[in-house]
N, C-alpha and C. Protein backbone atom coordinates (compact mmCIF):
# COMPACT_ATOMS: atom_id res chain seq x y z
N MET A 1 -47.56 59.62 50.74
CA MET A 1 -48.67 60.03 50.93
C MET A 1 -48.52 61.75 51.04
N SER A 2 -49.16 62.79 51.04
CA SER A 2 -49.20 63.55 51.44
C SER A 2 -49.85 64.51 52.42
N ILE A 3 -49.54 65.14 53.88
CA ILE A 3 -50.47 64.81 54.34
C ILE A 3 -51.09 65.98 54.29
N PHE A 4 -52.14 66.60 53.94
CA PHE A 4 -52.84 67.62 54.12
C PHE A 4 -53.18 68.41 55.77
N ILE A 5 -52.56 69.99 56.01
CA ILE A 5 -52.87 70.36 57.25
C ILE A 5 -53.74 71.35 56.96
N LYS A 6 -54.98 71.50 57.51
CA LYS A 6 -56.00 72.51 58.12
C LYS A 6 -54.94 73.52 58.62
N THR A 7 -55.22 74.33 58.02
CA THR A 7 -54.42 75.56 58.96
C THR A 7 -55.50 76.81 59.45
N ARG A 8 -55.41 77.19 60.71
CA ARG A 8 -56.41 77.74 61.22
C ARG A 8 -56.34 79.52 60.70
N HIS A 9 -57.72 79.98 60.52
CA HIS A 9 -57.85 81.25 60.04
C HIS A 9 -57.30 82.04 61.25
N ARG A 10 -56.19 82.65 61.34
CA ARG A 10 -56.00 83.46 62.56
C ARG A 10 -56.73 85.13 61.99
N GLN A 11 -57.17 85.07 63.22
CA GLN A 11 -57.87 86.39 63.50
C GLN A 11 -56.86 87.70 63.25
N GLY A 12 -56.61 88.97 62.22
CA GLY A 12 -55.70 90.03 62.23
C GLY A 12 -56.44 90.92 63.17
N SER A 13 -55.46 91.95 63.07
CA SER A 13 -55.97 93.04 64.17
C SER A 13 -56.80 93.81 63.78
N PHE A 14 -57.86 94.38 64.26
CA PHE A 14 -58.96 94.86 63.64
C PHE A 14 -58.73 96.55 64.38
N ILE A 15 -59.63 97.00 63.15
CA ILE A 15 -59.51 98.96 63.99
C ILE A 15 -60.54 98.85 64.00
N SER A 16 -60.68 99.76 65.29
CA SER A 16 -62.27 100.06 66.11
C SER A 16 -62.75 101.45 65.33
N THR A 17 -63.92 101.05 64.68
CA THR A 17 -64.56 102.24 63.74
C THR A 17 -65.32 103.00 64.90
N SER A 18 -65.31 102.55 66.08
CA SER A 18 -66.64 103.33 66.79
C SER A 18 -66.32 105.05 67.39
N SER A 19 -64.95 105.22 66.76
CA SER A 19 -64.47 106.77 66.89
C SER A 19 -64.18 107.38 65.78
N LEU A 20 -64.99 106.48 64.50
CA LEU A 20 -65.07 107.61 63.66
C LEU A 20 -65.93 108.26 63.16
N PRO A 21 -67.02 108.18 63.77
CA PRO A 21 -68.22 109.05 63.67
C PRO A 21 -67.82 110.73 64.15
N ASP A 22 -67.22 110.50 65.53
CA ASP A 22 -66.90 111.25 66.16
C ASP A 22 -65.80 112.43 65.71
N ILE A 23 -64.84 111.43 64.68
CA ILE A 23 -63.59 112.05 64.41
C ILE A 23 -63.73 113.04 62.86
N ILE A 24 -65.00 112.72 62.38
CA ILE A 24 -65.81 113.12 61.14
C ILE A 24 -66.58 114.34 61.71
N PHE A 25 -66.90 114.41 62.75
CA PHE A 25 -68.36 115.46 63.46
C PHE A 25 -66.90 116.86 63.97
N ILE A 26 -66.36 116.40 64.62
CA ILE A 26 -65.05 117.25 65.11
C ILE A 26 -64.33 117.80 63.61
N LEU A 27 -63.95 117.14 62.70
CA LEU A 27 -63.77 117.98 61.45
C LEU A 27 -64.93 119.10 61.04
N LEU A 28 -66.00 118.48 60.57
CA LEU A 28 -67.26 118.81 59.89
C LEU A 28 -66.86 120.70 61.01
N PHE A 29 -66.80 120.67 62.23
CA PHE A 29 -66.96 121.45 63.10
C PHE A 29 -66.00 122.62 62.74
N PHE A 30 -64.72 121.83 62.83
CA PHE A 30 -63.21 122.54 62.58
C PHE A 30 -63.50 123.47 61.22
N PHE A 31 -64.26 122.99 60.19
CA PHE A 31 -64.15 123.68 58.68
C PHE A 31 -65.65 124.69 58.64
N MET A 32 -66.41 124.07 59.39
CA MET A 32 -67.39 125.17 59.30
C MET A 32 -66.88 126.31 60.69
N VAL A 33 -66.46 126.30 61.03
CA VAL A 33 -65.99 127.31 62.28
C VAL A 33 -65.16 128.31 61.26
N SER A 34 -63.79 127.77 60.75
CA SER A 34 -62.76 128.08 59.95
C SER A 34 -63.36 128.83 58.77
N THR A 35 -64.46 128.70 58.00
CA THR A 35 -64.25 128.75 56.72
C THR A 35 -65.42 130.15 56.93
N ARG A 36 -65.19 131.22 55.88
CA ARG A 36 -65.98 132.52 55.63
C ARG A 36 -66.72 131.86 54.44
N LEU A 37 -68.06 132.56 54.80
CA LEU A 37 -69.01 132.26 53.98
C LEU A 37 -69.24 133.32 52.99
N ARG A 38 -68.96 134.53 53.36
CA ARG A 38 -69.62 135.93 52.99
C ARG A 38 -68.85 137.01 53.63
N ASP A 39 -68.03 137.59 52.49
CA ASP A 39 -66.77 138.71 53.12
C ASP A 39 -67.88 139.91 53.42
N THR A 40 -68.41 140.53 52.73
CA THR A 40 -69.11 141.59 53.03
C THR A 40 -70.81 141.61 53.62
N GLN A 41 -71.52 142.44 54.39
CA GLN A 41 -72.60 142.29 54.24
C GLN A 41 -72.96 143.64 53.44
N ILE A 42 -73.97 143.63 52.67
CA ILE A 42 -74.65 144.38 51.99
C ILE A 42 -75.53 145.49 52.78
N LEU A 43 -75.13 146.56 52.27
CA LEU A 43 -76.17 147.51 53.27
C LEU A 43 -76.72 148.20 52.20
N VAL A 44 -76.64 148.13 50.88
CA VAL A 44 -77.64 148.71 49.85
C VAL A 44 -78.50 147.81 48.98
N ASN A 45 -79.97 148.14 48.62
CA ASN A 45 -80.85 147.77 47.92
C ASN A 45 -80.21 147.89 46.53
N VAL A 46 -79.87 146.43 45.76
CA VAL A 46 -79.68 146.76 44.81
C VAL A 46 -80.01 145.66 43.58
N VAL A 47 -81.11 145.90 42.46
CA VAL A 47 -81.20 145.04 41.57
C VAL A 47 -80.94 145.73 40.37
N PRO A 48 -80.02 144.80 40.04
CA PRO A 48 -78.86 145.03 38.59
C PRO A 48 -79.81 145.45 37.47
N PRO A 49 -79.35 145.72 36.31
CA PRO A 49 -80.15 146.16 35.08
C PRO A 49 -80.07 144.99 34.54
N ALA A 50 -80.61 144.34 33.52
CA ALA A 50 -81.18 143.32 32.61
C ALA A 50 -80.28 143.13 31.22
N ALA A 51 -79.49 142.46 31.11
CA ALA A 51 -78.59 142.39 29.69
C ALA A 51 -78.85 141.14 29.30
N SER A 52 -78.57 141.21 27.71
CA SER A 52 -79.09 140.11 26.84
C SER A 52 -77.62 139.72 26.68
N GLU A 53 -76.84 140.10 27.06
CA GLU A 53 -75.08 139.29 26.78
C GLU A 53 -74.51 139.94 27.57
N SER A 54 -74.39 138.52 28.22
CA SER A 54 -73.29 138.88 29.85
C SER A 54 -72.13 137.45 29.73
N GLN A 55 -71.35 137.71 30.68
CA GLN A 55 -70.69 136.60 30.40
C GLN A 55 -69.95 136.58 32.07
N LYS A 56 -70.06 135.61 32.79
CA LYS A 56 -69.08 134.41 34.16
C LYS A 56 -67.95 135.55 34.13
N LEU A 57 -67.80 135.63 35.09
CA LEU A 57 -66.40 135.86 35.78
C LEU A 57 -65.50 134.68 36.02
N GLU A 58 -64.75 134.49 35.61
CA GLU A 58 -64.34 132.79 35.92
C GLU A 58 -63.02 132.70 36.81
N LYS A 59 -62.38 133.56 37.63
CA LYS A 59 -61.76 133.26 38.90
C LYS A 59 -61.89 134.54 39.70
N LYS A 60 -63.04 134.68 40.55
CA LYS A 60 -63.51 135.27 41.69
C LYS A 60 -62.86 135.81 42.93
N SER A 61 -62.19 135.15 43.22
CA SER A 61 -61.10 135.57 44.18
C SER A 61 -60.01 136.91 43.74
N ASN A 62 -60.16 137.50 42.67
CA ASN A 62 -59.43 138.58 42.33
C ASN A 62 -60.23 139.70 42.12
N VAL A 63 -61.60 139.57 42.33
CA VAL A 63 -62.82 140.68 42.10
C VAL A 63 -62.89 141.09 43.58
N SER A 64 -62.97 142.80 43.80
CA SER A 64 -63.05 143.63 44.71
C SER A 64 -64.27 144.16 44.11
N TYR A 65 -65.27 144.12 45.24
CA TYR A 65 -66.72 144.85 44.91
C TYR A 65 -67.45 146.27 45.29
N ILE A 66 -67.79 147.23 44.30
CA ILE A 66 -68.67 148.59 44.56
C ILE A 66 -69.77 147.83 44.39
N TYR A 67 -70.35 148.58 45.53
CA TYR A 67 -72.16 148.39 45.66
C TYR A 67 -72.36 149.91 45.86
N VAL A 68 -73.45 150.11 45.03
CA VAL A 68 -74.32 151.71 44.76
C VAL A 68 -75.50 151.28 44.80
N GLY A 69 -76.18 151.95 45.59
CA GLY A 69 -77.79 151.82 45.59
C GLY A 69 -78.24 152.47 46.90
N GLN A 70 -79.72 152.09 47.19
CA GLN A 70 -80.09 153.28 48.24
C GLN A 70 -80.44 151.75 49.28
N PRO A 71 -79.74 152.81 50.38
CA PRO A 71 -79.64 151.90 51.82
C PRO A 71 -81.18 151.20 52.00
N LEU A 72 -80.36 150.22 52.71
CA LEU A 72 -81.85 149.13 52.75
C LEU A 72 -82.36 150.09 54.26
N ASN A 73 -81.68 150.58 55.27
CA ASN A 73 -82.36 151.07 56.08
C ASN A 73 -82.51 152.93 56.04
N THR A 74 -83.31 153.27 55.25
CA THR A 74 -83.55 154.30 54.60
C THR A 74 -84.35 155.86 56.22
N THR A 75 -84.42 155.28 57.26
CA THR A 75 -84.81 156.30 58.06
C THR A 75 -83.77 156.69 59.08
N LYS A 76 -82.45 155.66 58.71
CA LYS A 76 -81.28 156.32 59.39
C LYS A 76 -80.47 157.32 58.33
N HIS A 77 -80.26 156.30 57.25
CA HIS A 77 -79.26 156.36 56.27
C HIS A 77 -79.46 157.52 55.23
N GLY A 78 -81.20 157.85 54.91
CA GLY A 78 -81.88 158.65 53.70
C GLY A 78 -82.19 157.40 52.86
N GLU A 79 -82.67 158.77 51.82
CA GLU A 79 -83.02 157.97 50.78
C GLU A 79 -81.84 158.01 49.42
N ALA A 80 -81.01 158.88 49.49
CA ALA A 80 -80.57 158.86 48.51
C ALA A 80 -79.34 157.69 48.19
N TYR A 81 -79.23 157.65 46.87
CA TYR A 81 -78.50 156.56 46.66
C TYR A 81 -77.10 156.58 47.24
N ARG A 82 -76.06 155.61 48.41
CA ARG A 82 -75.04 155.98 48.45
C ARG A 82 -74.08 154.46 48.06
N ILE A 83 -72.53 154.84 48.38
CA ILE A 83 -71.71 153.76 47.71
C ILE A 83 -71.20 152.77 48.93
N GLN A 84 -70.98 151.95 48.51
CA GLN A 84 -70.93 150.71 49.58
C GLN A 84 -69.26 150.32 49.53
N LEU A 85 -68.43 150.67 50.25
CA LEU A 85 -67.34 149.92 49.95
C LEU A 85 -66.71 149.19 51.05
N ASN A 86 -66.61 147.49 51.13
CA ASN A 86 -66.69 146.40 52.20
C ASN A 86 -67.56 146.72 52.87
N ASP A 87 -67.63 147.11 54.24
CA ASP A 87 -68.43 146.67 55.01
C ASP A 87 -69.26 148.37 55.50
N ARG A 88 -68.62 149.51 54.91
CA ARG A 88 -69.11 150.41 55.33
C ARG A 88 -69.63 151.46 53.70
N TYR A 89 -70.08 152.55 54.39
CA TYR A 89 -70.87 153.53 53.27
C TYR A 89 -69.39 154.24 52.93
N ALA A 90 -69.44 154.93 51.39
CA ALA A 90 -68.17 155.66 51.36
C ALA A 90 -68.93 157.06 50.45
N GLU A 91 -67.43 157.76 50.11
CA GLU A 91 -67.74 158.79 48.93
C GLU A 91 -67.03 158.66 47.87
N THR A 92 -66.93 159.19 47.00
CA THR A 92 -66.01 158.92 45.70
C THR A 92 -65.17 159.51 45.55
N GLY A 93 -64.35 160.12 46.54
CA GLY A 93 -63.14 160.05 47.24
C GLY A 93 -62.45 159.33 47.90
N GLU A 94 -63.00 158.29 48.43
CA GLU A 94 -62.65 157.33 49.05
C GLU A 94 -62.49 156.01 48.51
N ILE A 95 -62.59 156.09 46.89
CA ILE A 95 -62.54 154.94 46.30
C ILE A 95 -60.75 154.42 45.85
N GLY A 96 -60.38 155.44 45.68
CA GLY A 96 -58.93 155.74 45.42
C GLY A 96 -57.84 154.62 46.89
N SER A 97 -58.12 155.29 48.15
CA SER A 97 -57.17 154.36 49.06
C SER A 97 -58.05 153.11 49.06
N PHE A 98 -59.26 152.91 49.03
CA PHE A 98 -59.89 151.59 49.00
C PHE A 98 -59.45 150.62 48.14
N ILE A 99 -58.93 150.79 46.70
CA ILE A 99 -58.10 149.85 45.68
C ILE A 99 -56.78 149.87 46.32
N GLY A 100 -56.17 151.22 46.93
CA GLY A 100 -54.73 151.09 47.15
C GLY A 100 -54.63 149.71 48.25
N ALA A 101 -55.60 149.78 48.93
CA ALA A 101 -55.95 148.58 50.49
C ALA A 101 -56.11 147.23 49.42
N GLU A 102 -56.66 147.02 48.63
CA GLU A 102 -57.26 145.94 48.17
C GLU A 102 -55.81 145.46 46.91
N LYS A 103 -55.16 146.20 46.70
CA LYS A 103 -53.68 145.97 45.86
C LYS A 103 -52.92 145.66 46.70
N ALA A 104 -52.96 146.03 47.85
CA ALA A 104 -51.44 145.66 49.61
C ALA A 104 -52.12 144.51 49.61
N PHE A 105 -53.65 144.26 49.63
CA PHE A 105 -54.06 143.11 50.47
C PHE A 105 -53.28 141.48 49.34
N ARG A 106 -53.21 142.14 47.70
CA ARG A 106 -53.50 141.04 47.07
C ARG A 106 -51.60 140.82 46.83
N LEU A 107 -50.98 139.68 46.26
CA LEU A 107 -49.69 139.11 45.53
C LEU A 107 -49.39 140.02 44.51
N PRO A 108 -48.04 139.99 44.16
CA PRO A 108 -47.71 141.36 43.14
C PRO A 108 -48.01 140.82 41.93
N GLU A 109 -48.15 139.63 41.47
CA GLU A 109 -48.78 139.17 39.60
C GLU A 109 -50.30 139.08 40.01
N GLU A 110 -50.79 139.53 40.79
CA GLU A 110 -52.55 139.47 41.05
C GLU A 110 -52.78 140.65 41.16
N GLN A 111 -51.97 141.76 41.59
CA GLN A 111 -52.61 143.06 41.35
C GLN A 111 -52.59 143.94 39.84
N LYS A 112 -51.90 143.32 39.24
CA LYS A 112 -52.32 143.60 37.69
C LYS A 112 -53.91 143.30 37.00
N ASN A 113 -53.97 141.65 37.46
CA ASN A 113 -55.01 141.53 37.45
C ASN A 113 -56.67 141.48 38.53
N LEU A 114 -56.50 142.68 38.88
CA LEU A 114 -57.45 143.19 40.20
C LEU A 114 -58.84 143.30 39.38
N VAL A 115 -59.60 142.96 39.30
CA VAL A 115 -61.31 143.26 38.84
C VAL A 115 -61.81 143.91 39.66
N VAL A 116 -62.58 145.07 39.40
CA VAL A 116 -63.23 145.61 40.47
C VAL A 116 -64.70 145.33 39.60
N SER A 117 -65.67 144.88 40.49
CA SER A 117 -66.87 144.77 39.78
C SER A 117 -68.33 146.07 40.66
N LEU A 118 -68.67 146.53 39.63
CA LEU A 118 -69.34 147.61 40.30
C LEU A 118 -71.03 146.90 40.22
N VAL A 119 -70.95 146.81 41.18
CA VAL A 119 -72.85 146.33 41.22
C VAL A 119 -74.04 147.47 41.59
N ALA A 120 -74.03 148.01 40.69
CA ALA A 120 -75.34 149.33 41.05
C ALA A 120 -76.68 148.73 40.51
N ASP A 121 -77.31 149.43 41.53
CA ASP A 121 -79.07 149.72 41.25
C ASP A 121 -79.26 149.95 39.54
N LYS A 122 -80.36 149.83 39.15
CA LYS A 122 -80.59 150.10 37.41
C LYS A 122 -81.19 151.53 37.59
N ARG A 123 -81.31 152.14 38.79
CA ARG A 123 -82.11 152.99 39.16
C ARG A 123 -81.16 154.24 38.82
N VAL A 124 -80.20 154.10 39.76
CA VAL A 124 -78.51 155.15 40.03
C VAL A 124 -78.17 155.59 38.30
N LYS A 125 -78.17 157.11 38.90
CA LYS A 125 -77.73 157.99 37.71
C LYS A 125 -76.60 157.74 37.14
N MET A 126 -76.23 158.11 35.56
CA MET A 126 -75.19 157.10 35.16
C MET A 126 -74.20 158.20 35.65
N ASN A 127 -74.39 160.04 36.09
CA ASN A 127 -73.13 160.49 36.54
C ASN A 127 -72.59 160.31 37.93
N THR A 128 -73.62 159.16 38.80
CA THR A 128 -72.65 158.69 40.08
C THR A 128 -71.62 157.51 39.32
N ILE A 129 -72.29 157.18 38.07
CA ILE A 129 -71.29 155.87 37.68
C ILE A 129 -70.16 156.13 37.19
N GLN A 130 -70.38 157.36 36.31
CA GLN A 130 -68.97 158.12 35.89
C GLN A 130 -67.93 158.41 36.66
N GLU A 131 -68.18 159.05 37.55
CA GLU A 131 -68.05 159.60 39.12
C GLU A 131 -66.81 158.63 39.43
N ILE A 132 -67.60 157.61 39.34
CA ILE A 132 -66.93 155.97 40.14
C ILE A 132 -65.89 155.58 39.27
N ILE A 133 -66.57 155.64 38.02
CA ILE A 133 -64.95 155.03 36.99
C ILE A 133 -63.75 156.46 36.92
N TYR A 134 -64.53 157.57 37.35
CA TYR A 134 -63.18 158.73 36.78
C TYR A 134 -62.24 158.09 37.99
N ALA A 135 -62.61 157.89 38.98
CA ALA A 135 -61.95 157.77 40.21
C ALA A 135 -61.30 156.29 40.51
N LEU A 136 -62.07 155.29 39.61
CA LEU A 136 -60.91 153.91 39.61
C LEU A 136 -59.96 154.08 38.43
N ARG A 137 -60.04 155.14 37.36
CA ARG A 137 -58.79 155.32 36.67
C ARG A 137 -57.79 156.06 37.21
N GLN A 138 -58.19 156.71 38.07
CA GLN A 138 -56.95 157.79 38.92
C GLN A 138 -56.40 156.43 39.74
N SER A 139 -56.61 156.00 40.16
CA SER A 139 -56.10 154.68 41.02
C SER A 139 -55.89 153.55 40.46
N GLU A 140 -55.42 153.83 39.37
CA GLU A 140 -55.04 152.79 38.07
C GLU A 140 -55.63 151.09 38.39
N ALA A 141 -56.89 151.39 38.35
CA ALA A 141 -57.48 150.08 38.44
C ALA A 141 -58.87 150.16 37.02
N PHE A 142 -57.76 149.48 35.70
CA PHE A 142 -58.35 149.71 34.32
C PHE A 142 -59.50 148.41 34.28
N ARG A 143 -59.35 147.29 34.87
CA ARG A 143 -60.45 146.37 34.66
C ARG A 143 -61.74 146.23 35.37
N VAL A 144 -63.15 146.59 35.23
CA VAL A 144 -64.43 147.37 35.67
C VAL A 144 -64.88 145.74 35.36
N ASN A 145 -65.97 145.56 35.85
CA ASN A 145 -66.72 144.18 35.65
C ASN A 145 -67.80 145.19 36.18
N TYR A 146 -68.71 145.28 35.40
CA TYR A 146 -70.45 145.84 35.52
C TYR A 146 -71.59 144.40 35.79
N ALA A 147 -71.97 144.28 36.80
CA ALA A 147 -72.87 143.22 36.97
C ALA A 147 -74.13 143.48 36.91
N THR A 148 -74.84 142.24 36.12
CA THR A 148 -76.25 142.65 35.78
C THR A 148 -77.28 141.12 35.77
N ARG A 149 -78.12 140.94 36.01
CA ARG A 149 -79.01 139.95 35.75
C ARG A 149 -79.31 139.57 34.16
N LYS A 150 -79.68 138.16 33.96
CA LYS A 150 -80.12 138.00 32.87
C LYS A 150 -81.30 137.92 32.85
N GLU A 151 -82.06 138.63 30.88
CA GLU A 151 -83.16 139.25 30.66
C GLU A 151 -84.38 138.52 30.99
């Protein structure tokens, strides 16, 4: 006859999960502090023109933005349309140095694929847009995107 021996269930070592919420909140706080949500603060009022046919940009990490519109604070900066590069107002002569700085910031293989997105108000004169495009050509930034809104 065989003897059946009942084995007692051993309690294995368990991991305490009481500190798990603390660890999760520390990680959440770290990522909230270290993540940038917006690169620039928009200083001009922009209502892009409507377009019936438009495409979305696929890779937005290689895009530099130029904003053109009326300043938000018209009492301090006037009502004339202004150009915004990063977080400051600029003139068309400063666009070349802006593009040079943007290219220097990127990797060499990304410099060829730099896209300049022109976010202009629909009431901006075409002469201003043409001056910006001419300055972009002078600085060898040939890929230009015009920001629009859906009709």
